[in-house]
Amino acid sequence: MDNVSFKARIRPTTMKEFTEATADIYKIASVEYPWTAKETIKAAKAYTTDILDCTAGGIVDETGKSVVLFHICPTQPQNFNFEEIEKHIMSFVEEGKGKLKGFLIGSQKIFKDSDVLFKKLQKMLKNKKIPTTIIKGTKEDKTHILYNADKNEWLVSSFAINHKINNGEKDAKKILTDCFDEVKIAKGDSF
């Protein structure tokens, strides 16, 4: 871990590889339904699945030893109070102890609340001065993410990504821009 730079790699992956990568933490370090702030976890390796109209993501500190992973569903009544969401997520983050990096994904444009939630989480990270990689606008496909501190890497998987990789596409940026409406990589992160 001491040699890992504070530059997360964003890597699209097949469904098979994603399943294999989560096998050792299956149901142990995952953010599960009902996808409220209460399910937020902090772990060295964590994942969440089935991101569609929700917004999911994480905050990693420069040590890269853990991620604060969240998955927030805009249709859950518990998620209507954003101040409580922010307070709960940030209670896991050790602010002021070094640099932080963020990652946000989701927000299929099914309805306005999905976009509003995404923008509130994006603004929260911006207000905290956390550089954030943005992958927004899932195109009718559930997305799954995993952060692995040992590799300082975010895995992103969906059926569309799986299809592109299995059909020979190797360019990570192209895969993501074909599968999402918006892809913005934070300074220092890479594909």
N, C-alpha and C. Protein backbone atom coordinates (compact mmCIF):
# COMPACT_ATOMS: atom_id res chain seq x y z
N MET A 1 0.82 -1.20 0.00
CA MET A 1 0.00 0.00 0.00
C MET A 1 0.85 1.26 0.00
N ASP A 2 2.04 1.23 0.56
CA ASP A 2 2.84 2.43 0.67
C ASP A 2 3.23 3.00 -0.69
N ASN A 3 3.30 2.17 -1.73
CA ASN A 3 3.71 2.64 -3.04
C ASN A 3 2.55 3.07 -3.92
N VAL A 4 1.31 2.95 -3.44
CA VAL A 4 0.16 3.32 -4.25
C VAL A 4 0.04 4.83 -4.28
N SER A 5 0.03 5.40 -5.47
CA SER A 5 -0.15 6.85 -5.59
C SER A 5 -1.62 7.15 -5.39
N PHE A 6 -1.91 8.43 -5.15
CA PHE A 6 -3.29 8.80 -4.91
C PHE A 6 -3.96 9.12 -6.23
N LYS A 7 -3.97 8.14 -7.09
CA LYS A 7 -4.57 8.25 -8.42
C LYS A 7 -5.35 6.97 -8.66
N ALA A 8 -6.65 7.03 -8.46
CA ALA A 8 -7.46 5.83 -8.65
C ALA A 8 -7.59 5.51 -10.12
N ARG A 9 -7.63 4.24 -10.40
CA ARG A 9 -7.87 3.78 -11.77
C ARG A 9 -9.33 3.40 -11.88
N ILE A 10 -9.96 3.84 -12.96
CA ILE A 10 -11.36 3.52 -13.24
C ILE A 10 -11.33 2.45 -14.34
N ARG A 11 -11.88 1.27 -14.04
CA ARG A 11 -11.77 0.18 -15.01
C ARG A 11 -13.12 -0.49 -15.26
N PRO A 12 -13.63 -0.38 -16.51
CA PRO A 12 -14.81 -1.15 -16.87
C PRO A 12 -14.43 -2.63 -16.91
N THR A 13 -15.35 -3.48 -16.48
CA THR A 13 -15.03 -4.90 -16.40
C THR A 13 -16.24 -5.76 -16.75
N THR A 14 -15.98 -7.00 -17.09
CA THR A 14 -17.07 -7.92 -17.42
C THR A 14 -17.83 -8.29 -16.15
N MET A 15 -19.04 -8.79 -16.34
CA MET A 15 -19.84 -9.24 -15.21
C MET A 15 -19.15 -10.39 -14.48
N LYS A 16 -18.51 -11.27 -15.23
CA LYS A 16 -17.81 -12.40 -14.63
C LYS A 16 -16.67 -11.92 -13.73
N GLU A 17 -15.87 -10.99 -14.24
CA GLU A 17 -14.76 -10.47 -13.45
C GLU A 17 -15.27 -9.72 -12.22
N PHE A 18 -16.36 -8.98 -12.37
CA PHE A 18 -16.93 -8.26 -11.23
C PHE A 18 -17.38 -9.26 -10.15
N THR A 19 -18.06 -10.31 -10.56
CA THR A 19 -18.53 -11.33 -9.62
C THR A 19 -17.35 -11.97 -8.91
N GLU A 20 -16.29 -12.27 -9.65
CA GLU A 20 -15.09 -12.86 -9.04
C GLU A 20 -14.44 -11.88 -8.06
N ALA A 21 -14.44 -10.60 -8.41
CA ALA A 21 -13.81 -9.59 -7.55
C ALA A 21 -14.57 -9.37 -6.25
N THR A 22 -15.87 -9.68 -6.25
CA THR A 22 -16.67 -9.49 -5.04
C THR A 22 -16.85 -10.78 -4.23
N ALA A 23 -16.36 -11.88 -4.73
CA ALA A 23 -16.60 -13.18 -4.08
C ALA A 23 -16.13 -13.22 -2.63
N ASP A 24 -14.99 -12.60 -2.34
CA ASP A 24 -14.45 -12.66 -0.98
C ASP A 24 -15.16 -11.73 0.00
N ILE A 25 -15.97 -10.81 -0.52
CA ILE A 25 -16.69 -9.88 0.37
C ILE A 25 -18.20 -9.92 0.15
N TYR A 26 -18.67 -10.92 -0.56
CA TYR A 26 -20.08 -11.03 -0.89
C TYR A 26 -20.95 -10.89 0.36
N LYS A 27 -21.83 -9.93 0.36
CA LYS A 27 -22.77 -9.62 1.46
C LYS A 27 -22.08 -9.16 2.75
N ILE A 28 -20.76 -9.09 2.76
CA ILE A 28 -20.04 -8.63 3.95
C ILE A 28 -19.74 -7.14 3.85
N ALA A 29 -19.22 -6.73 2.71
CA ALA A 29 -18.85 -5.33 2.50
C ALA A 29 -19.60 -4.80 1.28
N SER A 30 -20.91 -4.86 1.36
CA SER A 30 -21.73 -4.36 0.25
C SER A 30 -22.81 -3.43 0.78
N VAL A 31 -23.16 -2.46 -0.05
CA VAL A 31 -24.26 -1.55 0.27
C VAL A 31 -25.49 -2.15 -0.39
N GLU A 32 -26.44 -2.56 0.42
CA GLU A 32 -27.62 -3.30 -0.04
C GLU A 32 -28.88 -2.45 0.01
N TYR A 33 -29.94 -2.96 -0.62
CA TYR A 33 -31.26 -2.36 -0.56
C TYR A 33 -31.67 -2.22 0.90
N PRO A 34 -32.30 -1.14 1.34
CA PRO A 34 -33.10 -0.17 0.57
C PRO A 34 -32.33 1.04 0.07
N TRP A 35 -31.01 1.01 0.11
CA TRP A 35 -30.18 2.06 -0.46
C TRP A 35 -30.49 3.44 0.13
N THR A 36 -30.29 3.53 1.43
CA THR A 36 -30.40 4.81 2.12
C THR A 36 -29.03 5.13 2.70
N ALA A 37 -28.89 6.30 3.29
CA ALA A 37 -27.62 6.68 3.91
C ALA A 37 -27.23 5.72 5.02
N LYS A 38 -28.21 5.08 5.66
CA LYS A 38 -27.93 4.15 6.76
C LYS A 38 -27.13 2.94 6.31
N GLU A 39 -27.17 2.60 5.03
CA GLU A 39 -26.41 1.45 4.53
C GLU A 39 -24.98 1.81 4.14
N THR A 40 -24.59 3.08 4.27
CA THR A 40 -23.23 3.51 3.95
C THR A 40 -22.23 2.69 4.78
N ILE A 41 -21.14 2.28 4.13
CA ILE A 41 -20.12 1.51 4.83
C ILE A 41 -18.73 2.08 4.57
N LYS A 42 -17.80 1.73 5.44
CA LYS A 42 -16.40 2.08 5.26
C LYS A 42 -15.61 0.80 5.33
N ALA A 43 -14.86 0.50 4.27
CA ALA A 43 -14.11 -0.75 4.20
C ALA A 43 -12.95 -0.60 3.22
N ALA A 44 -12.02 -1.52 3.28
CA ALA A 44 -10.89 -1.53 2.34
C ALA A 44 -11.34 -1.96 0.94
N LYS A 45 -12.38 -2.76 0.90
CA LYS A 45 -12.91 -3.24 -0.37
C LYS A 45 -14.42 -3.33 -0.19
N ALA A 46 -15.16 -2.64 -1.05
CA ALA A 46 -16.62 -2.62 -0.90
C ALA A 46 -17.26 -2.44 -2.26
N TYR A 47 -18.54 -2.87 -2.35
CA TYR A 47 -19.25 -2.77 -3.62
C TYR A 47 -20.73 -2.53 -3.42
N THR A 48 -21.39 -2.14 -4.50
CA THR A 48 -22.83 -2.05 -4.55
C THR A 48 -23.28 -2.38 -5.97
N THR A 49 -24.51 -2.85 -6.08
CA THR A 49 -25.03 -3.29 -7.38
C THR A 49 -26.35 -2.59 -7.69
N ASP A 50 -26.79 -2.77 -8.92
CA ASP A 50 -28.12 -2.34 -9.38
C ASP A 50 -28.34 -0.83 -9.32
N ILE A 51 -27.33 -0.05 -9.68
CA ILE A 51 -27.46 1.40 -9.74
C ILE A 51 -28.17 1.74 -11.05
N LEU A 52 -29.29 2.41 -10.96
CA LEU A 52 -30.04 2.80 -12.15
C LEU A 52 -30.45 4.27 -12.02
N ASP A 53 -31.58 4.52 -11.36
CA ASP A 53 -31.98 5.89 -11.12
C ASP A 53 -31.36 6.42 -9.82
N CYS A 54 -30.68 5.57 -9.09
CA CYS A 54 -30.00 5.94 -7.85
C CYS A 54 -28.69 6.66 -8.18
N THR A 55 -28.06 7.18 -7.12
CA THR A 55 -26.70 7.68 -7.23
C THR A 55 -25.87 6.92 -6.20
N ALA A 56 -24.76 6.40 -6.65
CA ALA A 56 -23.85 5.67 -5.76
C ALA A 56 -22.45 6.24 -5.94
N GLY A 57 -21.60 5.91 -5.01
CA GLY A 57 -20.23 6.37 -5.14
C GLY A 57 -19.46 6.18 -3.86
N GLY A 58 -18.34 6.87 -3.80
CA GLY A 58 -17.51 6.72 -2.63
C GLY A 58 -16.54 7.85 -2.45
N ILE A 59 -15.97 7.90 -1.27
CA ILE A 59 -14.94 8.87 -0.92
C ILE A 59 -13.76 8.08 -0.37
N VAL A 60 -12.59 8.33 -0.96
CA VAL A 60 -11.36 7.63 -0.59
C VAL A 60 -10.38 8.67 -0.08
N ASP A 61 -9.64 8.34 1.02
CA ASP A 61 -8.61 9.28 1.47
C ASP A 61 -7.28 8.92 0.82
N GLU A 62 -6.32 9.82 0.94
CA GLU A 62 -5.06 9.64 0.21
C GLU A 62 -4.27 8.42 0.65
N THR A 63 -4.57 7.86 1.80
CA THR A 63 -3.88 6.63 2.19
C THR A 63 -4.37 5.47 1.33
N GLY A 64 -5.60 5.61 0.77
CA GLY A 64 -6.15 4.57 -0.08
C GLY A 64 -6.49 3.29 0.68
N LYS A 65 -6.53 3.35 2.00
CA LYS A 65 -6.76 2.14 2.78
C LYS A 65 -8.22 1.79 2.94
N SER A 66 -9.12 2.75 2.64
CA SER A 66 -10.54 2.46 2.76
C SER A 66 -11.36 3.40 1.90
N VAL A 67 -12.60 3.01 1.70
CA VAL A 67 -13.56 3.81 0.95
C VAL A 67 -14.81 3.95 1.80
N VAL A 68 -15.42 5.11 1.74
CA VAL A 68 -16.75 5.32 2.31
C VAL A 68 -17.69 5.16 1.12
N LEU A 69 -18.41 4.05 1.08
CA LEU A 69 -19.25 3.71 -0.07
C LEU A 69 -20.72 3.92 0.28
N PHE A 70 -21.43 4.58 -0.64
CA PHE A 70 -22.86 4.85 -0.43
C PHE A 70 -23.64 4.55 -1.71
N HIS A 71 -24.93 4.34 -1.55
CA HIS A 71 -25.85 4.08 -2.66
C HIS A 71 -27.19 4.66 -2.20
N ILE A 72 -27.61 5.74 -2.83
CA ILE A 72 -28.80 6.47 -2.38
C ILE A 72 -29.88 6.40 -3.46
N CYS A 73 -31.05 5.91 -3.08
CA CYS A 73 -32.18 5.76 -3.99
C CYS A 73 -33.12 6.96 -3.85
N PRO A 74 -33.43 7.65 -4.96
CA PRO A 74 -34.25 8.86 -4.86
C PRO A 74 -35.72 8.60 -4.52
N THR A 75 -36.18 7.35 -4.58
CA THR A 75 -37.59 7.06 -4.31
C THR A 75 -37.85 6.63 -2.87
N GLN A 76 -36.80 6.44 -2.09
CA GLN A 76 -36.98 6.04 -0.69
C GLN A 76 -37.32 7.26 0.17
N PRO A 77 -38.42 7.22 0.92
CA PRO A 77 -38.79 8.36 1.76
C PRO A 77 -37.67 8.79 2.72
N GLN A 78 -36.86 7.83 3.20
CA GLN A 78 -35.75 8.17 4.10
C GLN A 78 -34.72 9.07 3.43
N ASN A 79 -34.75 9.12 2.10
CA ASN A 79 -33.75 9.91 1.37
C ASN A 79 -34.25 11.28 0.95
N PHE A 80 -35.38 11.70 1.47
CA PHE A 80 -35.92 13.00 1.10
C PHE A 80 -35.25 14.15 1.86
N ASN A 81 -34.59 13.85 2.97
CA ASN A 81 -33.91 14.87 3.77
C ASN A 81 -32.42 14.81 3.45
N PHE A 82 -31.97 15.65 2.52
CA PHE A 82 -30.58 15.57 2.08
C PHE A 82 -29.59 15.96 3.17
N GLU A 83 -29.97 16.86 4.06
CA GLU A 83 -29.06 17.25 5.14
C GLU A 83 -28.69 16.02 5.98
N GLU A 84 -29.66 15.15 6.23
CA GLU A 84 -29.38 13.93 6.99
C GLU A 84 -28.49 12.97 6.21
N ILE A 85 -28.71 12.87 4.90
CA ILE A 85 -27.86 12.02 4.05
C ILE A 85 -26.42 12.51 4.13
N GLU A 86 -26.23 13.81 3.91
CA GLU A 86 -24.89 14.39 3.94
C GLU A 86 -24.22 14.17 5.29
N LYS A 87 -24.94 14.44 6.35
CA LYS A 87 -24.39 14.28 7.69
C LYS A 87 -23.96 12.83 7.94
N HIS A 88 -24.80 11.89 7.52
CA HIS A 88 -24.48 10.48 7.76
C HIS A 88 -23.27 10.03 6.92
N ILE A 89 -23.25 10.35 5.64
CA ILE A 89 -22.11 9.95 4.80
C ILE A 89 -20.83 10.56 5.32
N MET A 90 -20.85 11.87 5.60
CA MET A 90 -19.63 12.55 6.02
C MET A 90 -19.18 12.13 7.43
N SER A 91 -20.05 11.51 8.21
CA SER A 91 -19.65 11.03 9.54
C SER A 91 -18.62 9.90 9.43
N PHE A 92 -18.53 9.27 8.27
CA PHE A 92 -17.56 8.20 8.03
C PHE A 92 -16.22 8.73 7.52
N VAL A 93 -16.21 9.98 7.07
CA VAL A 93 -15.04 10.56 6.41
C VAL A 93 -14.20 11.33 7.43
N GLU A 94 -12.90 11.10 7.40
CA GLU A 94 -12.00 11.82 8.29
C GLU A 94 -11.51 13.07 7.57
N GLU A 95 -12.33 14.12 7.67
CA GLU A 95 -11.97 15.38 7.02
C GLU A 95 -10.79 16.02 7.74
N GLY A 96 -9.97 16.72 6.98
CA GLY A 96 -8.85 17.43 7.57
C GLY A 96 -7.63 16.57 7.83
N LYS A 97 -7.69 15.28 7.50
CA LYS A 97 -6.55 14.39 7.75
C LYS A 97 -5.84 14.03 6.45
N GLY A 98 -6.00 14.85 5.44
CA GLY A 98 -5.35 14.58 4.16
C GLY A 98 -6.30 14.79 3.01
N LYS A 99 -5.80 14.53 1.83
CA LYS A 99 -6.59 14.73 0.62
C LYS A 99 -7.64 13.63 0.47
N LEU A 100 -8.75 14.01 -0.14
CA LEU A 100 -9.83 13.07 -0.40
C LEU A 100 -10.11 13.04 -1.89
N LYS A 101 -10.64 11.92 -2.39
CA LYS A 101 -11.06 11.78 -3.79
C LYS A 101 -12.46 11.21 -3.79
N GLY A 102 -13.29 11.68 -4.71
CA GLY A 102 -14.66 11.20 -4.81
C GLY A 102 -14.95 10.49 -6.11
N PHE A 103 -16.03 9.74 -6.11
CA PHE A 103 -16.49 8.99 -7.27
C PHE A 103 -18.01 8.95 -7.20
N LEU A 104 -18.69 9.40 -8.27
CA LEU A 104 -20.15 9.36 -8.34
C LEU A 104 -20.58 8.69 -9.64
N ILE A 105 -21.61 7.85 -9.54
CA ILE A 105 -22.13 7.16 -10.72
C ILE A 105 -23.63 6.99 -10.57
N GLY A 106 -24.34 7.04 -11.69
CA GLY A 106 -25.77 6.74 -11.66
C GLY A 106 -26.62 7.76 -12.36
N SER A 107 -27.82 7.94 -11.85
CA SER A 107 -28.78 8.93 -12.30
C SER A 107 -29.30 8.70 -13.70
N GLN A 108 -30.00 7.60 -13.88
CA GLN A 108 -30.69 7.45 -15.16
C GLN A 108 -31.80 8.49 -15.19
N LYS A 109 -32.00 9.08 -16.33
CA LYS A 109 -32.96 10.17 -16.42
C LYS A 109 -34.39 9.66 -16.55
N ILE A 110 -34.84 8.88 -15.57
CA ILE A 110 -36.20 8.37 -15.55
C ILE A 110 -37.14 9.47 -15.06
N PHE A 111 -36.71 10.15 -14.01
CA PHE A 111 -37.52 11.22 -13.47
C PHE A 111 -36.62 12.26 -12.79
N LYS A 112 -37.16 13.43 -12.56
CA LYS A 112 -36.42 14.59 -12.08
C LYS A 112 -35.68 14.32 -10.77
N ASP A 113 -36.30 13.57 -9.84
CA ASP A 113 -35.68 13.33 -8.53
C ASP A 113 -34.33 12.63 -8.65
N SER A 114 -34.16 11.82 -9.67
CA SER A 114 -32.90 11.12 -9.88
C SER A 114 -31.79 12.12 -10.16
N ASP A 115 -32.02 13.05 -11.05
CA ASP A 115 -31.05 14.07 -11.41
C ASP A 115 -30.79 15.03 -10.24
N VAL A 116 -31.85 15.38 -9.53
CA VAL A 116 -31.72 16.28 -8.38
C VAL A 116 -30.82 15.66 -7.32
N LEU A 117 -31.03 14.38 -7.01
CA LEU A 117 -30.20 13.69 -6.01
C LEU A 117 -28.74 13.67 -6.45
N PHE A 118 -28.50 13.33 -7.71
CA PHE A 118 -27.14 13.29 -8.23
C PHE A 118 -26.47 14.65 -8.04
N LYS A 119 -27.18 15.72 -8.42
CA LYS A 119 -26.61 17.07 -8.33
C LYS A 119 -26.34 17.46 -6.88
N LYS A 120 -27.20 17.05 -5.95
CA LYS A 120 -26.97 17.36 -4.53
C LYS A 120 -25.72 16.65 -4.02
N LEU A 121 -25.54 15.39 -4.38
CA LEU A 121 -24.34 14.67 -3.96
C LEU A 121 -23.09 15.26 -4.61
N GLN A 122 -23.20 15.66 -5.87
CA GLN A 122 -22.09 16.29 -6.56
C GLN A 122 -21.73 17.61 -5.88
N LYS A 123 -22.74 18.40 -5.53
CA LYS A 123 -22.50 19.68 -4.85
C LYS A 123 -21.89 19.45 -3.47
N MET A 124 -22.34 18.42 -2.75
CA MET A 124 -21.78 18.10 -1.44
C MET A 124 -20.27 17.87 -1.55
N LEU A 125 -19.86 17.07 -2.54
CA LEU A 125 -18.44 16.78 -2.72
C LEU A 125 -17.67 18.03 -3.15
N LYS A 126 -18.28 18.83 -4.01
CA LYS A 126 -17.63 20.08 -4.45
C LYS A 126 -17.45 21.03 -3.27
N ASN A 127 -18.50 21.17 -2.45
CA ASN A 127 -18.41 22.06 -1.29
C ASN A 127 -17.35 21.61 -0.30
N LYS A 128 -17.09 20.31 -0.25
CA LYS A 128 -16.05 19.76 0.63
C LYS A 128 -14.68 19.77 -0.05
N LYS A 129 -14.64 20.33 -1.28
CA LYS A 129 -13.40 20.42 -2.07
C LYS A 129 -12.79 19.05 -2.34
N ILE A 130 -13.66 18.10 -2.68
CA ILE A 130 -13.23 16.73 -2.98
C ILE A 130 -13.28 16.55 -4.50
N PRO A 131 -12.12 16.44 -5.18
CA PRO A 131 -12.13 16.18 -6.62
C PRO A 131 -12.88 14.87 -6.89
N THR A 132 -13.77 14.89 -7.88
CA THR A 132 -14.67 13.76 -8.07
C THR A 132 -14.75 13.32 -9.52
N THR A 133 -14.60 12.03 -9.75
CA THR A 133 -14.86 11.43 -11.05
C THR A 133 -16.37 11.25 -11.16
N ILE A 134 -16.92 11.65 -12.30
CA ILE A 134 -18.37 11.62 -12.53
C ILE A 134 -18.68 10.68 -13.70
N ILE A 135 -19.56 9.72 -13.45
CA ILE A 135 -20.09 8.86 -14.52
C ILE A 135 -21.60 8.90 -14.36
N LYS A 136 -22.24 9.62 -15.26
CA LYS A 136 -23.65 9.95 -15.07
C LYS A 136 -24.50 9.53 -16.26
N GLY A 137 -25.75 9.21 -15.96
CA GLY A 137 -26.71 8.94 -17.02
C GLY A 137 -26.65 7.53 -17.55
N THR A 138 -26.90 6.56 -16.68
CA THR A 138 -26.93 5.18 -17.14
C THR A 138 -27.97 5.04 -18.24
N LYS A 139 -27.67 4.27 -19.22
CA LYS A 139 -28.55 4.13 -20.38
C LYS A 139 -29.35 2.83 -20.29
N GLU A 140 -30.38 2.84 -19.44
CA GLU A 140 -31.30 1.71 -19.30
C GLU A 140 -30.59 0.41 -18.92
N ASP A 141 -29.62 0.51 -18.05
CA ASP A 141 -28.84 -0.66 -17.67
C ASP A 141 -28.37 -0.49 -16.23
N LYS A 142 -28.59 -1.49 -15.40
CA LYS A 142 -28.12 -1.44 -14.02
C LYS A 142 -26.60 -1.55 -14.00
N THR A 143 -25.98 -0.72 -13.17
CA THR A 143 -24.53 -0.68 -13.08
C THR A 143 -24.11 -1.15 -11.69
N HIS A 144 -22.93 -1.75 -11.64
CA HIS A 144 -22.36 -2.25 -10.39
C HIS A 144 -20.97 -1.65 -10.23
N ILE A 145 -20.61 -1.28 -9.00
CA ILE A 145 -19.28 -0.72 -8.76
C ILE A 145 -18.61 -1.40 -7.58
N LEU A 146 -17.30 -1.38 -7.59
CA LEU A 146 -16.49 -1.91 -6.50
C LEU A 146 -15.26 -1.05 -6.36
N TYR A 147 -14.87 -0.74 -5.13
CA TYR A 147 -13.59 -0.10 -4.89
C TYR A 147 -12.71 -1.09 -4.15
N ASN A 148 -11.46 -1.22 -4.63
CA ASN A 148 -10.49 -2.11 -4.01
C ASN A 148 -9.27 -1.28 -3.63
N ALA A 149 -9.05 -1.10 -2.33
CA ALA A 149 -7.94 -0.27 -1.85
C ALA A 149 -6.59 -0.87 -2.20
N ASP A 150 -6.48 -2.19 -2.21
CA ASP A 150 -5.19 -2.82 -2.53
C ASP A 150 -4.71 -2.44 -3.92
N LYS A 151 -5.63 -2.24 -4.83
CA LYS A 151 -5.29 -1.88 -6.21
C LYS A 151 -5.57 -0.40 -6.51
N ASN A 152 -6.15 0.32 -5.53
CA ASN A 152 -6.55 1.71 -5.72
C ASN A 152 -7.35 1.83 -7.02
N GLU A 153 -8.42 1.03 -7.11
CA GLU A 153 -9.13 0.86 -8.36
C GLU A 153 -10.64 0.78 -8.15
N TRP A 154 -11.36 1.45 -9.06
CA TRP A 154 -12.82 1.34 -9.14
C TRP A 154 -13.14 0.42 -10.31
N LEU A 155 -13.91 -0.64 -10.05
CA LEU A 155 -14.44 -1.46 -11.13
C LEU A 155 -15.86 -1.00 -11.42
N VAL A 156 -16.20 -0.91 -12.70
CA VAL A 156 -17.54 -0.53 -13.14
C VAL A 156 -18.02 -1.60 -14.10
N SER A 157 -19.21 -2.16 -13.84
CA SER A 157 -19.71 -3.24 -14.69
C SER A 157 -21.21 -3.09 -14.93
N SER A 158 -21.63 -3.55 -16.08
CA SER A 158 -23.06 -3.61 -16.44
C SER A 158 -23.16 -4.58 -17.62
N PHE A 159 -24.37 -4.90 -18.01
CA PHE A 159 -24.53 -5.78 -19.17
C PHE A 159 -24.00 -5.13 -20.44
N ALA A 160 -24.21 -3.81 -20.59
CA ALA A 160 -23.71 -3.11 -21.78
C ALA A 160 -22.18 -3.12 -21.81
N ILE A 161 -21.55 -2.85 -20.67
CA ILE A 161 -20.09 -2.90 -20.58
C ILE A 161 -19.61 -4.31 -20.88
N ASN A 162 -20.26 -5.29 -20.28
CA ASN A 162 -19.92 -6.69 -20.50
C ASN A 162 -19.95 -7.03 -21.99
N HIS A 163 -21.02 -6.60 -22.66
CA HIS A 163 -21.19 -6.86 -24.10
C HIS A 163 -20.05 -6.23 -24.91
N LYS A 164 -19.70 -5.00 -24.59
CA LYS A 164 -18.64 -4.31 -25.34
C LYS A 164 -17.29 -5.02 -25.15
N ILE A 165 -16.97 -5.38 -23.92
CA ILE A 165 -15.70 -6.05 -23.65
C ILE A 165 -15.66 -7.43 -24.33
N ASN A 166 -16.75 -8.17 -24.21
CA ASN A 166 -16.80 -9.50 -24.83
C ASN A 166 -16.78 -9.45 -26.36
N ASN A 167 -17.10 -8.29 -26.92
CA ASN A 167 -17.02 -8.12 -28.37
C ASN A 167 -15.72 -7.45 -28.81
N GLY A 168 -14.75 -7.42 -27.90
CA GLY A 168 -13.40 -7.00 -28.28
C GLY A 168 -13.02 -5.56 -27.98
N GLU A 169 -13.94 -4.75 -27.46
CA GLU A 169 -13.58 -3.36 -27.15
C GLU A 169 -12.64 -3.34 -25.95
N LYS A 170 -11.51 -2.64 -26.10
CA LYS A 170 -10.52 -2.59 -25.04
C LYS A 170 -10.33 -1.19 -24.47
N ASP A 171 -10.76 -0.17 -25.20
CA ASP A 171 -10.56 1.21 -24.78
C ASP A 171 -11.56 1.57 -23.68
N ALA A 172 -11.06 1.72 -22.45
CA ALA A 172 -11.93 1.97 -21.29
C ALA A 172 -12.74 3.24 -21.44
N LYS A 173 -12.11 4.29 -21.94
CA LYS A 173 -12.83 5.56 -22.11
C LYS A 173 -13.99 5.40 -23.10
N LYS A 174 -13.74 4.73 -24.20
CA LYS A 174 -14.79 4.52 -25.20
C LYS A 174 -15.92 3.67 -24.63
N ILE A 175 -15.58 2.64 -23.89
CA ILE A 175 -16.61 1.78 -23.29
C ILE A 175 -17.52 2.62 -22.39
N LEU A 176 -16.92 3.42 -21.53
CA LEU A 176 -17.72 4.22 -20.59
C LEU A 176 -18.52 5.31 -21.30
N THR A 177 -17.92 5.99 -22.27
CA THR A 177 -18.66 7.06 -22.96
C THR A 177 -19.77 6.49 -23.84
N ASP A 178 -19.63 5.26 -24.30
CA ASP A 178 -20.71 4.61 -25.05
C ASP A 178 -21.86 4.18 -24.13
N CYS A 179 -21.55 3.90 -22.87
CA CYS A 179 -22.55 3.35 -21.95
C CYS A 179 -23.18 4.38 -21.02
N PHE A 180 -22.63 5.59 -20.97
CA PHE A 180 -23.14 6.64 -20.08
C PHE A 180 -23.24 7.96 -20.84
N ASP A 181 -24.09 8.85 -20.36
CA ASP A 181 -24.27 10.16 -20.99
C ASP A 181 -23.11 11.10 -20.71
N GLU A 182 -22.50 10.98 -19.54
CA GLU A 182 -21.44 11.91 -19.14
C GLU A 182 -20.35 11.16 -18.39
N VAL A 183 -19.11 11.38 -18.80
CA VAL A 183 -17.96 10.77 -18.12
C VAL A 183 -16.91 11.86 -17.95
N LYS A 184 -16.61 12.20 -16.70
CA LYS A 184 -15.59 13.20 -16.39
C LYS A 184 -14.67 12.60 -15.34
N ILE A 185 -13.43 12.42 -15.71
CA ILE A 185 -12.45 11.83 -14.79
C ILE A 185 -11.76 12.95 -14.02
N ALA A 186 -11.74 12.84 -12.71
CA ALA A 186 -11.08 13.84 -11.87
C ALA A 186 -9.58 13.86 -12.13
N LYS A 187 -8.98 15.00 -11.95
CA LYS A 187 -7.54 15.15 -12.13
C LYS A 187 -6.83 14.11 -11.26
N GLY A 188 -5.96 13.37 -11.88
CA GLY A 188 -5.19 12.36 -11.15
C GLY A 188 -5.74 10.95 -11.33
N ASP A 189 -7.06 10.81 -11.56
CA ASP A 189 -7.61 9.49 -11.82
C ASP A 189 -7.30 9.11 -13.27
N SER A 190 -7.43 7.84 -13.59
CA SER A 190 -7.14 7.39 -14.95
C SER A 190 -8.01 6.21 -15.31
N PHE A 191 -8.04 5.90 -16.62
CA PHE A 191 -8.77 4.71 -17.09
C PHE A 191 -7.83 3.52 -17.05
